[in-house]
Amino acid sequence: MKNLIIFYSRRGQNYSDGGIKNLELGNTEIVAEFIKNAIGGTLFEIETEKQYSLDYYKCTEEAKEELKTNARPKLKNYIKTIDEYNNIFICGPCWWGTFPMAMFTQLETLDWNGKNIFAVVTHGGSGFGNCERDLIKTCKGAKLGKGLAIFGSQASNSKDEVFNWAQNTVKSLL
């Protein structure tokens, strides 16, 4: 069984533990790397052509506007096919109750029939929000497995939790 880990992550200014902190690696990127280390797989980072504001608060407003207009930001690179993968881990922050719109730019281009998908979310208190519901709507033909929600501020300390979840998730499919 081959694993693909698709992720979007924000480096730089992030809200954490009641304040703004500058992160060298984004919270979701850290969690995606933990998944890869636990079960193996291919990492694919979603990167927008137009960068979001470096200022955290401006970025949240940009994300809110994208959600409001159902935008599909252009990406630097796209995955053309997921035919060779059985399990796809879709990892991102929960922005305004769902994944960033850039995630959907990619997800909507793929054939999900027969795939196992797993939502992995970093958040500031919302948990999954509507991420799993939105994946079911977007990834038609896929089977949604048990996901994982991690507080963004705990991402760097979540190695054991992520490792155990990822290993148990893959074992349950055998």
N, C-alpha and C. Protein backbone atom coordinates (compact mmCIF):
# COMPACT_ATOMS: atom_id res chain seq x y z
N MET A 1 0.84 -1.19 0.00
CA MET A 1 0.00 0.00 0.00
C MET A 1 0.88 1.24 0.00
N LYS A 2 0.61 2.14 -0.93
CA LYS A 2 1.39 3.37 -1.03
C LYS A 2 0.63 4.54 -0.43
N ASN A 3 1.37 5.38 0.25
CA ASN A 3 0.79 6.52 0.95
C ASN A 3 1.23 7.83 0.31
N LEU A 4 0.29 8.75 0.17
CA LEU A 4 0.55 10.10 -0.29
C LEU A 4 0.11 11.05 0.81
N ILE A 5 0.96 12.00 1.13
CA ILE A 5 0.66 12.99 2.17
C ILE A 5 0.64 14.36 1.50
N ILE A 6 -0.57 14.87 1.26
CA ILE A 6 -0.75 16.18 0.67
C ILE A 6 -0.90 17.16 1.82
N PHE A 7 -0.14 18.26 1.79
CA PHE A 7 -0.27 19.20 2.90
C PHE A 7 -0.12 20.65 2.44
N TYR A 8 -0.82 21.51 3.18
CA TYR A 8 -0.61 22.95 3.08
C TYR A 8 -0.21 23.40 4.48
N SER A 9 0.79 24.24 4.57
CA SER A 9 1.24 24.69 5.88
C SER A 9 1.74 26.13 5.78
N ARG A 10 1.51 26.88 6.82
CA ARG A 10 1.93 28.28 6.86
C ARG A 10 3.14 28.44 7.77
N ARG A 11 4.23 28.90 7.18
CA ARG A 11 5.42 29.26 7.95
C ARG A 11 5.29 30.73 8.34
N GLY A 12 6.14 31.17 9.22
CA GLY A 12 6.12 32.58 9.61
C GLY A 12 5.14 32.82 10.75
N GLN A 13 4.46 33.95 10.69
CA GLN A 13 3.57 34.33 11.78
C GLN A 13 2.39 33.38 11.91
N ASN A 14 2.21 32.85 13.12
CA ASN A 14 1.08 31.99 13.46
C ASN A 14 0.62 32.32 14.86
N TYR A 15 -0.65 32.07 15.10
CA TYR A 15 -1.21 32.27 16.43
C TYR A 15 -0.93 31.02 17.24
N SER A 16 -0.36 31.20 18.43
CA SER A 16 -0.02 30.05 19.26
C SER A 16 0.00 30.46 20.72
N ASP A 17 -0.69 29.70 21.53
CA ASP A 17 -0.69 29.93 22.99
C ASP A 17 -0.99 31.38 23.36
N GLY A 18 -1.98 31.96 22.71
CA GLY A 18 -2.44 33.29 23.08
C GLY A 18 -1.68 34.45 22.46
N GLY A 19 -0.76 34.17 21.54
CA GLY A 19 -0.01 35.25 20.92
C GLY A 19 0.52 34.86 19.56
N ILE A 20 1.13 35.81 18.89
CA ILE A 20 1.70 35.57 17.57
C ILE A 20 3.15 35.15 17.72
N LYS A 21 3.49 34.05 17.06
CA LYS A 21 4.86 33.54 17.08
C LYS A 21 5.33 33.34 15.65
N ASN A 22 6.62 33.46 15.44
CA ASN A 22 7.20 33.25 14.12
C ASN A 22 7.72 31.82 14.04
N LEU A 23 7.15 31.03 13.12
CA LEU A 23 7.51 29.62 13.00
C LEU A 23 8.39 29.38 11.78
N GLU A 24 9.49 28.69 12.00
CA GLU A 24 10.38 28.33 10.90
C GLU A 24 9.72 27.29 10.00
N LEU A 25 9.03 26.33 10.61
CA LEU A 25 8.23 25.34 9.90
C LEU A 25 6.79 25.51 10.34
N GLY A 26 5.87 25.39 9.41
CA GLY A 26 4.46 25.48 9.76
C GLY A 26 4.01 24.27 10.55
N ASN A 27 2.97 24.45 11.35
CA ASN A 27 2.45 23.37 12.19
C ASN A 27 2.07 22.13 11.39
N THR A 28 1.38 22.33 10.28
CA THR A 28 0.93 21.19 9.48
C THR A 28 2.10 20.49 8.82
N GLU A 29 3.12 21.23 8.41
CA GLU A 29 4.30 20.62 7.82
C GLU A 29 4.98 19.68 8.82
N ILE A 30 5.04 20.10 10.06
CA ILE A 30 5.63 19.26 11.12
C ILE A 30 4.85 17.96 11.24
N VAL A 31 3.53 18.06 11.30
CA VAL A 31 2.68 16.87 11.44
C VAL A 31 2.79 15.97 10.21
N ALA A 32 2.83 16.56 9.01
CA ALA A 32 2.96 15.78 7.78
C ALA A 32 4.27 14.99 7.78
N GLU A 33 5.34 15.61 8.24
CA GLU A 33 6.63 14.91 8.34
C GLU A 33 6.55 13.76 9.34
N PHE A 34 5.85 13.96 10.45
CA PHE A 34 5.68 12.88 11.42
C PHE A 34 4.94 11.70 10.79
N ILE A 35 3.92 11.99 9.97
CA ILE A 35 3.18 10.91 9.30
C ILE A 35 4.13 10.15 8.38
N LYS A 36 4.89 10.87 7.58
CA LYS A 36 5.84 10.22 6.66
C LYS A 36 6.83 9.35 7.42
N ASN A 37 7.35 9.84 8.53
CA ASN A 37 8.31 9.07 9.32
C ASN A 37 7.67 7.83 9.93
N ALA A 38 6.38 7.89 10.22
CA ALA A 38 5.68 6.77 10.86
C ALA A 38 5.35 5.66 9.88
N ILE A 39 4.93 6.01 8.66
CA ILE A 39 4.41 4.98 7.74
C ILE A 39 5.03 5.02 6.36
N GLY A 40 5.89 5.99 6.11
CA GLY A 40 6.45 6.14 4.78
C GLY A 40 5.45 6.81 3.85
N GLY A 41 5.92 7.22 2.71
CA GLY A 41 5.02 7.85 1.75
C GLY A 41 5.69 9.01 1.05
N THR A 42 4.93 9.59 0.16
CA THR A 42 5.38 10.73 -0.63
C THR A 42 4.73 11.98 -0.08
N LEU A 43 5.55 13.00 0.17
CA LEU A 43 5.02 14.30 0.61
C LEU A 43 4.79 15.18 -0.61
N PHE A 44 3.66 15.87 -0.63
CA PHE A 44 3.39 16.87 -1.66
C PHE A 44 2.86 18.12 -0.98
N GLU A 45 3.61 19.23 -1.13
CA GLU A 45 3.22 20.48 -0.50
C GLU A 45 2.41 21.34 -1.47
N ILE A 46 1.26 21.78 -1.01
CA ILE A 46 0.43 22.73 -1.75
C ILE A 46 1.04 24.11 -1.55
N GLU A 47 1.40 24.76 -2.66
CA GLU A 47 1.97 26.11 -2.60
C GLU A 47 1.22 27.01 -3.58
N THR A 48 0.76 28.14 -3.09
CA THR A 48 0.03 29.07 -3.96
C THR A 48 1.00 29.93 -4.76
N GLU A 49 0.58 30.29 -5.98
CA GLU A 49 1.39 31.20 -6.79
C GLU A 49 1.51 32.55 -6.10
N LYS A 50 0.38 33.06 -5.63
CA LYS A 50 0.36 34.34 -4.93
C LYS A 50 0.42 34.04 -3.43
N GLN A 51 1.47 34.52 -2.79
CA GLN A 51 1.64 34.24 -1.36
C GLN A 51 0.62 35.03 -0.54
N TYR A 52 0.23 34.41 0.56
CA TYR A 52 -0.60 35.13 1.52
C TYR A 52 0.27 36.16 2.24
N SER A 53 -0.38 37.13 2.85
CA SER A 53 0.33 38.15 3.60
C SER A 53 1.20 37.49 4.67
N LEU A 54 2.36 38.08 4.91
CA LEU A 54 3.22 37.59 5.98
C LEU A 54 2.64 37.90 7.35
N ASP A 55 1.84 38.96 7.43
CA ASP A 55 1.17 39.34 8.67
C ASP A 55 0.04 38.36 8.96
N TYR A 56 0.05 37.76 10.13
CA TYR A 56 -0.93 36.73 10.49
C TYR A 56 -2.36 37.24 10.35
N TYR A 57 -2.65 38.41 10.89
CA TYR A 57 -4.03 38.91 10.88
C TYR A 57 -4.50 39.25 9.47
N LYS A 58 -3.62 39.79 8.64
CA LYS A 58 -3.98 40.05 7.24
C LYS A 58 -4.23 38.73 6.51
N CYS A 59 -3.41 37.74 6.80
CA CYS A 59 -3.59 36.43 6.18
C CYS A 59 -4.95 35.84 6.53
N THR A 60 -5.37 35.98 7.78
CA THR A 60 -6.68 35.43 8.16
C THR A 60 -7.80 36.13 7.40
N GLU A 61 -7.66 37.41 7.14
CA GLU A 61 -8.67 38.14 6.37
C GLU A 61 -8.66 37.69 4.91
N GLU A 62 -7.48 37.46 4.35
CA GLU A 62 -7.38 36.95 2.98
C GLU A 62 -8.06 35.58 2.87
N ALA A 63 -7.81 34.73 3.86
CA ALA A 63 -8.40 33.39 3.87
C ALA A 63 -9.92 33.48 4.00
N LYS A 64 -10.39 34.40 4.82
CA LYS A 64 -11.84 34.59 5.00
C LYS A 64 -12.49 35.03 3.69
N GLU A 65 -11.83 35.94 2.98
CA GLU A 65 -12.36 36.42 1.69
C GLU A 65 -12.37 35.29 0.65
N GLU A 66 -11.33 34.47 0.63
CA GLU A 66 -11.31 33.33 -0.29
C GLU A 66 -12.46 32.38 -0.02
N LEU A 67 -12.72 32.11 1.25
CA LEU A 67 -13.82 31.23 1.62
C LEU A 67 -15.15 31.84 1.18
N LYS A 68 -15.32 33.11 1.47
CA LYS A 68 -16.56 33.83 1.13
C LYS A 68 -16.85 33.77 -0.37
N THR A 69 -15.81 33.88 -1.19
CA THR A 69 -15.99 33.90 -2.64
C THR A 69 -15.79 32.52 -3.28
N ASN A 70 -15.54 31.51 -2.45
CA ASN A 70 -15.28 30.14 -2.92
C ASN A 70 -14.15 30.13 -3.94
N ALA A 71 -13.10 30.88 -3.65
CA ALA A 71 -11.95 31.05 -4.55
C ALA A 71 -11.18 29.74 -4.71
N ARG A 72 -10.48 29.64 -5.81
CA ARG A 72 -9.57 28.53 -6.06
C ARG A 72 -8.25 29.14 -6.50
N PRO A 73 -7.39 29.49 -5.52
CA PRO A 73 -6.10 30.11 -5.84
C PRO A 73 -5.25 29.20 -6.73
N LYS A 74 -4.53 29.80 -7.65
CA LYS A 74 -3.63 29.04 -8.51
C LYS A 74 -2.45 28.53 -7.70
N LEU A 75 -2.00 27.33 -8.07
CA LEU A 75 -0.89 26.69 -7.36
C LEU A 75 0.37 26.70 -8.20
N LYS A 76 1.52 26.61 -7.52
CA LYS A 76 2.80 26.53 -8.22
C LYS A 76 2.96 25.20 -8.94
N ASN A 77 2.50 24.12 -8.32
CA ASN A 77 2.60 22.77 -8.88
C ASN A 77 1.33 22.00 -8.56
N TYR A 78 1.04 21.04 -9.40
CA TYR A 78 -0.15 20.20 -9.21
C TYR A 78 0.25 18.73 -9.29
N ILE A 79 -0.44 17.90 -8.55
CA ILE A 79 -0.33 16.45 -8.71
C ILE A 79 -1.27 16.12 -9.87
N LYS A 80 -0.77 15.42 -10.85
CA LYS A 80 -1.59 15.09 -12.03
C LYS A 80 -2.49 13.88 -11.78
N THR A 81 -1.96 12.89 -11.04
CA THR A 81 -2.71 11.67 -10.79
C THR A 81 -2.32 11.08 -9.43
N ILE A 82 -3.26 10.37 -8.84
CA ILE A 82 -2.99 9.66 -7.59
C ILE A 82 -3.20 8.16 -7.78
N ASP A 83 -3.18 7.72 -9.03
CA ASP A 83 -3.45 6.32 -9.36
C ASP A 83 -2.58 5.34 -8.57
N GLU A 84 -1.32 5.66 -8.34
CA GLU A 84 -0.42 4.71 -7.69
C GLU A 84 -0.57 4.64 -6.17
N TYR A 85 -1.40 5.50 -5.60
CA TYR A 85 -1.55 5.56 -4.13
C TYR A 85 -2.86 4.93 -3.68
N ASN A 86 -2.79 4.25 -2.53
CA ASN A 86 -3.97 3.67 -1.91
C ASN A 86 -4.55 4.61 -0.85
N ASN A 87 -3.65 5.20 -0.08
CA ASN A 87 -4.03 6.02 1.08
C ASN A 87 -3.53 7.44 0.87
N ILE A 88 -4.44 8.39 1.03
CA ILE A 88 -4.06 9.79 0.88
C ILE A 88 -4.41 10.53 2.16
N PHE A 89 -3.39 11.10 2.77
CA PHE A 89 -3.54 11.89 3.99
C PHE A 89 -3.59 13.35 3.55
N ILE A 90 -4.71 14.01 3.85
CA ILE A 90 -4.94 15.38 3.41
C ILE A 90 -4.79 16.27 4.65
N CYS A 91 -3.70 17.02 4.68
CA CYS A 91 -3.27 17.71 5.89
C CYS A 91 -3.28 19.23 5.68
N GLY A 92 -3.91 19.93 6.59
CA GLY A 92 -3.91 21.38 6.49
C GLY A 92 -4.44 22.02 7.75
N PRO A 93 -4.29 23.32 7.83
CA PRO A 93 -4.88 24.04 8.96
C PRO A 93 -6.39 24.17 8.75
N CYS A 94 -7.11 24.34 9.82
CA CYS A 94 -8.54 24.62 9.73
C CYS A 94 -8.69 26.15 9.77
N TRP A 95 -8.98 26.73 8.60
CA TRP A 95 -9.15 28.18 8.47
C TRP A 95 -10.62 28.46 8.26
N TRP A 96 -11.21 29.17 9.19
CA TRP A 96 -12.61 29.56 9.08
C TRP A 96 -13.50 28.33 8.89
N GLY A 97 -13.15 27.22 9.57
CA GLY A 97 -14.02 26.05 9.58
C GLY A 97 -13.74 25.01 8.51
N THR A 98 -12.74 25.22 7.66
CA THR A 98 -12.42 24.23 6.63
C THR A 98 -10.95 24.37 6.22
N PHE A 99 -10.55 23.53 5.29
CA PHE A 99 -9.19 23.63 4.76
C PHE A 99 -9.05 24.93 3.97
N PRO A 100 -7.83 25.45 3.82
CA PRO A 100 -7.61 26.60 2.95
C PRO A 100 -8.12 26.29 1.54
N MET A 101 -8.65 27.29 0.87
CA MET A 101 -9.22 27.09 -0.46
C MET A 101 -8.21 26.53 -1.45
N ALA A 102 -6.93 26.82 -1.25
CA ALA A 102 -5.88 26.29 -2.14
C ALA A 102 -5.87 24.76 -2.11
N MET A 103 -6.24 24.15 -1.01
CA MET A 103 -6.31 22.69 -0.94
C MET A 103 -7.34 22.17 -1.95
N PHE A 104 -8.49 22.85 -2.01
CA PHE A 104 -9.55 22.42 -2.91
C PHE A 104 -9.17 22.62 -4.37
N THR A 105 -8.32 23.63 -4.64
CA THR A 105 -7.82 23.82 -6.01
C THR A 105 -7.21 22.52 -6.50
N GLN A 106 -6.40 21.87 -5.67
CA GLN A 106 -5.76 20.61 -6.04
C GLN A 106 -6.73 19.44 -5.96
N LEU A 107 -7.44 19.31 -4.87
CA LEU A 107 -8.27 18.13 -4.63
C LEU A 107 -9.32 17.93 -5.71
N GLU A 108 -9.87 19.01 -6.22
CA GLU A 108 -10.93 18.92 -7.22
C GLU A 108 -10.45 18.40 -8.57
N THR A 109 -9.15 18.33 -8.79
CA THR A 109 -8.62 17.89 -10.08
C THR A 109 -8.35 16.39 -10.14
N LEU A 110 -8.55 15.68 -9.04
CA LEU A 110 -8.12 14.28 -8.95
C LEU A 110 -9.28 13.29 -8.95
N ASP A 111 -9.00 12.06 -9.38
CA ASP A 111 -9.97 10.97 -9.36
C ASP A 111 -9.80 10.20 -8.06
N TRP A 112 -10.80 10.26 -7.21
CA TRP A 112 -10.74 9.71 -5.87
C TRP A 112 -11.33 8.31 -5.75
N ASN A 113 -11.86 7.76 -6.82
CA ASN A 113 -12.53 6.46 -6.75
C ASN A 113 -11.59 5.38 -6.19
N GLY A 114 -12.08 4.70 -5.14
CA GLY A 114 -11.36 3.59 -4.53
C GLY A 114 -10.23 3.98 -3.59
N LYS A 115 -10.08 5.26 -3.31
CA LYS A 115 -9.00 5.71 -2.43
C LYS A 115 -9.47 5.79 -0.98
N ASN A 116 -8.53 5.57 -0.07
CA ASN A 116 -8.76 5.81 1.36
C ASN A 116 -8.20 7.19 1.66
N ILE A 117 -9.02 8.06 2.25
CA ILE A 117 -8.55 9.40 2.58
C ILE A 117 -8.69 9.65 4.08
N PHE A 118 -7.79 10.50 4.58
CA PHE A 118 -7.75 10.79 6.01
C PHE A 118 -7.51 12.28 6.19
N ALA A 119 -8.38 12.94 6.92
CA ALA A 119 -8.21 14.36 7.22
C ALA A 119 -7.26 14.51 8.40
N VAL A 120 -6.27 15.37 8.23
CA VAL A 120 -5.35 15.70 9.30
C VAL A 120 -5.36 17.22 9.40
N VAL A 121 -5.74 17.71 10.56
CA VAL A 121 -5.99 19.14 10.73
C VAL A 121 -5.18 19.68 11.90
N THR A 122 -4.54 20.83 11.67
CA THR A 122 -3.99 21.60 12.79
C THR A 122 -4.93 22.77 13.00
N HIS A 123 -5.15 23.11 14.26
CA HIS A 123 -6.18 24.10 14.56
C HIS A 123 -5.85 24.84 15.85
N GLY A 124 -6.58 25.91 16.06
CA GLY A 124 -6.42 26.71 17.27
C GLY A 124 -7.53 26.51 18.27
N GLY A 125 -8.40 25.53 18.04
CA GLY A 125 -9.49 25.25 18.97
C GLY A 125 -10.75 24.75 18.28
N SER A 126 -10.77 24.76 16.96
CA SER A 126 -11.97 24.36 16.22
C SER A 126 -12.03 22.87 15.91
N GLY A 127 -10.95 22.16 16.18
CA GLY A 127 -10.92 20.76 15.79
C GLY A 127 -11.03 20.63 14.29
N PHE A 128 -11.81 19.64 13.83
CA PHE A 128 -11.97 19.42 12.40
C PHE A 128 -12.82 20.49 11.72
N GLY A 129 -13.65 21.20 12.50
CA GLY A 129 -14.57 22.12 11.86
C GLY A 129 -15.38 21.35 10.83
N ASN A 130 -15.45 21.84 9.60
CA ASN A 130 -16.16 21.15 8.51
C ASN A 130 -15.21 20.44 7.55
N CYS A 131 -13.96 20.27 7.94
CA CYS A 131 -12.96 19.70 7.03
C CYS A 131 -13.36 18.32 6.52
N GLU A 132 -13.80 17.44 7.40
CA GLU A 132 -14.15 16.09 6.97
C GLU A 132 -15.38 16.11 6.06
N ARG A 133 -16.37 16.89 6.41
CA ARG A 133 -17.57 17.01 5.58
C ARG A 133 -17.20 17.52 4.19
N ASP A 134 -16.31 18.53 4.14
CA ASP A 134 -15.92 19.10 2.86
C ASP A 134 -15.09 18.13 2.03
N LEU A 135 -14.31 17.28 2.68
CA LEU A 135 -13.57 16.25 1.95
C LEU A 135 -14.51 15.23 1.32
N ILE A 136 -15.53 14.83 2.05
CA ILE A 136 -16.50 13.87 1.51
C ILE A 136 -17.16 14.45 0.25
N LYS A 137 -17.50 15.74 0.29
CA LYS A 137 -18.12 16.38 -0.87
C LYS A 137 -17.16 16.51 -2.05
N THR A 138 -15.90 16.75 -1.76
CA THR A 138 -14.90 17.03 -2.81
C THR A 138 -14.29 15.76 -3.38
N CYS A 139 -14.05 14.78 -2.54
CA CYS A 139 -13.32 13.57 -2.96
C CYS A 139 -14.30 12.42 -3.20
N LYS A 140 -15.16 12.61 -4.16
CA LYS A 140 -16.22 11.63 -4.46
C LYS A 140 -15.61 10.29 -4.87
N GLY A 141 -16.16 9.23 -4.28
CA GLY A 141 -15.68 7.89 -4.58
C GLY A 141 -14.63 7.39 -3.60
N ALA A 142 -14.16 8.26 -2.72
CA ALA A 142 -13.16 7.87 -1.72
C ALA A 142 -13.86 7.44 -0.43
N LYS A 143 -13.13 6.67 0.35
CA LYS A 143 -13.62 6.26 1.67
C LYS A 143 -12.87 7.08 2.71
N LEU A 144 -13.62 7.82 3.54
CA LEU A 144 -13.03 8.65 4.58
C LEU A 144 -12.78 7.81 5.82
N GLY A 145 -11.52 7.75 6.24
CA GLY A 145 -11.14 7.04 7.45
C GLY A 145 -11.07 7.98 8.64
N LYS A 146 -10.70 7.43 9.79
CA LYS A 146 -10.59 8.21 11.02
C LYS A 146 -9.44 9.21 10.89
N GLY A 147 -9.77 10.47 11.04
CA GLY A 147 -8.77 11.53 10.91
C GLY A 147 -8.10 11.87 12.23
N LEU A 148 -7.33 12.94 12.19
CA LEU A 148 -6.58 13.39 13.36
C LEU A 148 -6.59 14.91 13.40
N ALA A 149 -6.94 15.46 14.55
CA ALA A 149 -6.91 16.91 14.76
C ALA A 149 -5.91 17.21 15.87
N ILE A 150 -4.98 18.11 15.58
CA ILE A 150 -3.91 18.47 16.52
C ILE A 150 -3.95 19.98 16.74
N PHE A 151 -3.91 20.40 17.99
CA PHE A 151 -3.76 21.83 18.27
C PHE A 151 -2.46 22.30 17.63
N GLY A 152 -2.54 23.38 16.85
CA GLY A 152 -1.35 23.89 16.17
C GLY A 152 -0.20 24.14 17.12
N SER A 153 -0.52 24.68 18.28
CA SER A 153 0.53 24.99 19.26
C SER A 153 1.20 23.73 19.82
N GLN A 154 0.57 22.58 19.60
CA GLN A 154 1.12 21.30 20.09
C GLN A 154 1.76 20.47 18.98
N ALA A 155 1.80 21.02 17.76
CA ALA A 155 2.29 20.24 16.61
C ALA A 155 3.68 19.67 16.85
N SER A 156 4.61 20.49 17.31
CA SER A 156 5.98 20.01 17.48
C SER A 156 6.11 18.98 18.60
N ASN A 157 5.12 18.91 19.47
CA ASN A 157 5.13 17.94 20.57
C ASN A 157 4.23 16.73 20.31
N SER A 158 3.72 16.60 19.09
CA SER A 158 2.72 15.57 18.80
C SER A 158 3.28 14.31 18.12
N LYS A 159 4.59 14.18 18.09
CA LYS A 159 5.22 13.08 17.36
C LYS A 159 4.65 11.71 17.75
N ASP A 160 4.59 11.41 19.03
CA ASP A 160 4.11 10.10 19.47
C ASP A 160 2.64 9.89 19.10
N GLU A 161 1.82 10.91 19.31
CA GLU A 161 0.39 10.81 18.98
C GLU A 161 0.20 10.57 17.48
N VAL A 162 0.91 11.33 16.67
CA VAL A 162 0.80 11.20 15.22
C VAL A 162 1.32 9.84 14.77
N PHE A 163 2.46 9.43 15.30
CA PHE A 163 3.05 8.14 14.96
C PHE A 163 2.07 7.00 15.25
N ASN A 164 1.52 6.98 16.46
CA ASN A 164 0.58 5.91 16.85
C ASN A 164 -0.67 5.92 15.99
N TRP A 165 -1.23 7.12 15.75
CA TRP A 165 -2.43 7.22 14.92
C TRP A 165 -2.14 6.72 13.50
N ALA A 166 -1.05 7.17 12.90
CA ALA A 166 -0.73 6.80 11.52
C ALA A 166 -0.50 5.29 11.40
N GLN A 167 0.27 4.73 12.31
CA GLN A 167 0.54 3.29 12.26
C GLN A 167 -0.75 2.49 12.43
N ASN A 168 -1.58 2.87 13.41
CA ASN A 168 -2.84 2.16 13.63
C ASN A 168 -3.79 2.31 12.44
N THR A 169 -3.78 3.47 11.82
CA THR A 169 -4.63 3.72 10.66
C THR A 169 -4.27 2.79 9.51
N VAL A 170 -3.00 2.70 9.22
CA VAL A 170 -2.56 1.85 8.11
C VAL A 170 -2.76 0.38 8.44
N LYS A 171 -2.49 -0.02 9.68
CA LYS A 171 -2.69 -1.42 10.09
C LYS A 171 -4.15 -1.82 9.93
N SER A 172 -5.08 -0.92 10.23
CA SER A 172 -6.51 -1.24 10.16
C SER A 172 -6.96 -1.49 8.73
N LEU A 173 -6.16 -1.08 7.74
CA LEU A 173 -6.53 -1.27 6.33
C LEU A 173 -6.01 -2.59 5.77
N LEU A 174 -5.13 -3.25 6.50
CA LEU A 174 -4.53 -4.51 5.99
C LEU A 174 -5.47 -5.68 6.14
